[in-house]
């Protein structure tokens, strides 16, 4: 028989392992962290900078955008 047991359950009662051939221990804290990482990673790398800004510092990029929007 197979079962999935949470860490908290296992710590509180190790006798729950009896009668099983295979036990998968689930760490819900790690699962929650991985879900957050997955949500963040789907947006990673989505923002691309226009080629006209290549090699410019952030202050120079801001200045160039301001000049394009509002002129001199």
C-alpha atoms as a PDB file:
ATOM      1  CA  UNK A   1       0.000   0.000   0.000  1.00  0.00           C
ATOM      2  CA  UNK A   2       1.026   3.592  -0.620  1.00  0.00           C
ATOM      3  CA  UNK A   3       0.171   6.837   1.145  1.00  0.00           C
ATOM      4  CA  UNK A   4       1.213  10.475   1.359  1.00  0.00           C
ATOM      5  CA  UNK A   5       1.936  11.887   4.798  1.00  0.00           C
ATOM      6  CA  UNK A   6       2.654  15.464   5.819  1.00  0.00           C
ATOM      7  CA  UNK A   7       5.700  16.271   7.955  1.00  0.00           C
ATOM      8  CA  UNK A   8       3.519  17.537  10.790  1.00  0.00           C
ATOM      9  CA  UNK A   9       1.521  14.299  10.887  1.00  0.00           C
ATOM     10  CA  UNK A  10       4.690  12.215  10.831  1.00  0.00           C
ATOM     11  CA  UNK A  11       6.270  14.144  13.702  1.00  0.00           C
ATOM     12  CA  UNK A  12       3.146  13.845  15.821  1.00  0.00           C
ATOM     13  CA  UNK A  13       2.536  10.158  15.172  1.00  0.00           C
ATOM     14  CA  UNK A  14       5.182   7.925  13.593  1.00  0.00           C
ATOM     15  CA  UNK A  15       2.896   4.896  14.008  1.00  0.00           C
ATOM     16  CA  UNK A  16       0.962   6.006  10.918  1.00  0.00           C
ATOM     17  CA  UNK A  17       3.769   4.469   8.842  1.00  0.00           C
ATOM     18  CA  UNK A  18       2.859   0.970   9.932  1.00  0.00           C
ATOM     19  CA  UNK A  19       1.043  -1.084   7.344  1.00  0.00           C
ATOM     20  CA  UNK A  20       2.408   0.799   4.324  1.00  0.00           C
ATOM     21  CA  UNK A  21       5.031  -0.476   1.889  1.00  0.00           C
ATOM     22  CA  UNK A  22       5.757   2.957   0.470  1.00  0.00           C
ATOM     23  CA  UNK A  23       5.273   6.359   2.143  1.00  0.00           C
ATOM     24  CA  UNK A  24       5.740   9.694   0.421  1.00  0.00           C
ATOM     25  CA  UNK A  25       6.529  12.496   2.869  1.00  0.00           C
ATOM     26  CA  UNK A  26       5.181  15.852   1.712  1.00  0.00           C
ATOM     27  CA  UNK A  27       6.745  19.084   2.958  1.00  0.00           C
ATOM     28  CA  UNK A  28       3.984  21.675   2.496  1.00  0.00           C
ATOM     29  CA  UNK A  29       6.349  24.585   3.271  1.00  0.00           C
ATOM     30  CA  UNK A  30       8.570  23.682   0.332  1.00  0.00           C
ATOM     31  CA  UNK A  31       5.502  23.173  -1.824  1.00  0.00           C
ATOM     32  CA  UNK A  32       4.253  26.680  -1.019  1.00  0.00           C
ATOM     33  CA  UNK A  33       7.663  28.189  -1.794  1.00  0.00           C
ATOM     34  CA  UNK A  34       7.829  26.366  -5.120  1.00  0.00           C
ATOM     35  CA  UNK A  35       4.357  27.619  -6.067  1.00  0.00           C
ATOM     36  CA  UNK A  36       5.465  31.214  -5.397  1.00  0.00           C
ATOM     37  CA  UNK A  37       8.610  30.716  -7.464  1.00  0.00           C
ATOM     38  CA  UNK A  38       6.572  29.263 -10.323  1.00  0.00           C
ATOM     39  CA  UNK A  39       4.218  32.280 -10.281  1.00  0.00           C
ATOM     40  CA  UNK A  40       7.161  34.692 -10.419  1.00  0.00           C
ATOM     41  CA  UNK A  41       9.068  32.773 -13.091  1.00  0.00           C
ATOM     42  CA  UNK A  42       6.233  32.929 -15.591  1.00  0.00           C
ATOM     43  CA  UNK A  43       6.894  36.684 -15.804  1.00  0.00           C
ATOM     44  CA  UNK A  44      10.701  36.516 -15.716  1.00  0.00           C
ATOM     45  CA  UNK A  45      12.343  37.670 -18.916  1.00  0.00           C
ATOM     46  CA  UNK A  46       9.132  39.135 -20.362  1.00  0.00           C
ATOM     47  CA  UNK A  47      10.337  42.737 -20.323  1.00  0.00           C
ATOM     48  CA  UNK A  48      12.557  43.641 -23.241  1.00  0.00           C
ATOM     49  CA  UNK A  49      14.395  46.907 -23.698  1.00  0.00           C
ATOM     50  CA  UNK A  50      14.225  48.627 -27.065  1.00  0.00           C
ATOM     51  CA  UNK A  51      17.480  48.395 -29.029  1.00  0.00           C
ATOM     52  CA  UNK A  52      17.825  52.190 -29.114  1.00  0.00           C
ATOM     53  CA  UNK A  53      18.610  52.049 -25.381  1.00  0.00           C
ATOM     54  CA  UNK A  54      21.425  49.487 -25.648  1.00  0.00           C
ATOM     55  CA  UNK A  55      24.579  50.571 -23.837  1.00  0.00           C
ATOM     56  CA  UNK A  56      22.907  53.452 -21.990  1.00  0.00           C
ATOM     57  CA  UNK A  57      22.805  53.929 -18.237  1.00  0.00           C
ATOM     58  CA  UNK A  58      19.391  54.126 -16.560  1.00  0.00           C
ATOM     59  CA  UNK A  59      19.671  57.906 -16.135  1.00  0.00           C
ATOM     60  CA  UNK A  60      20.479  58.266 -19.846  1.00  0.00           C
ATOM     61  CA  UNK A  61      17.474  56.095 -20.754  1.00  0.00           C
ATOM     62  CA  UNK A  62      15.201  58.286 -18.613  1.00  0.00           C
ATOM     63  CA  UNK A  63      16.614  61.404 -20.221  1.00  0.00           C
ATOM     64  CA  UNK A  64      16.096  60.026 -23.733  1.00  0.00           C
ATOM     65  CA  UNK A  65      12.498  59.028 -22.979  1.00  0.00           C
ATOM     66  CA  UNK A  66      11.765  62.467 -21.499  1.00  0.00           C
ATOM     67  CA  UNK A  67      13.192  64.167 -24.605  1.00  0.00           C
ATOM     68  CA  UNK A  68      11.047  61.951 -26.858  1.00  0.00           C
ATOM     69  CA  UNK A  69       7.894  62.703 -24.861  1.00  0.00           C
ATOM     70  CA  UNK A  70       8.338  66.369 -24.095  1.00  0.00           C
ATOM     71  CA  UNK A  71      11.017  67.628 -26.484  1.00  0.00           C
ATOM     72  CA  UNK A  72      13.824  69.998 -25.484  1.00  0.00           C
END
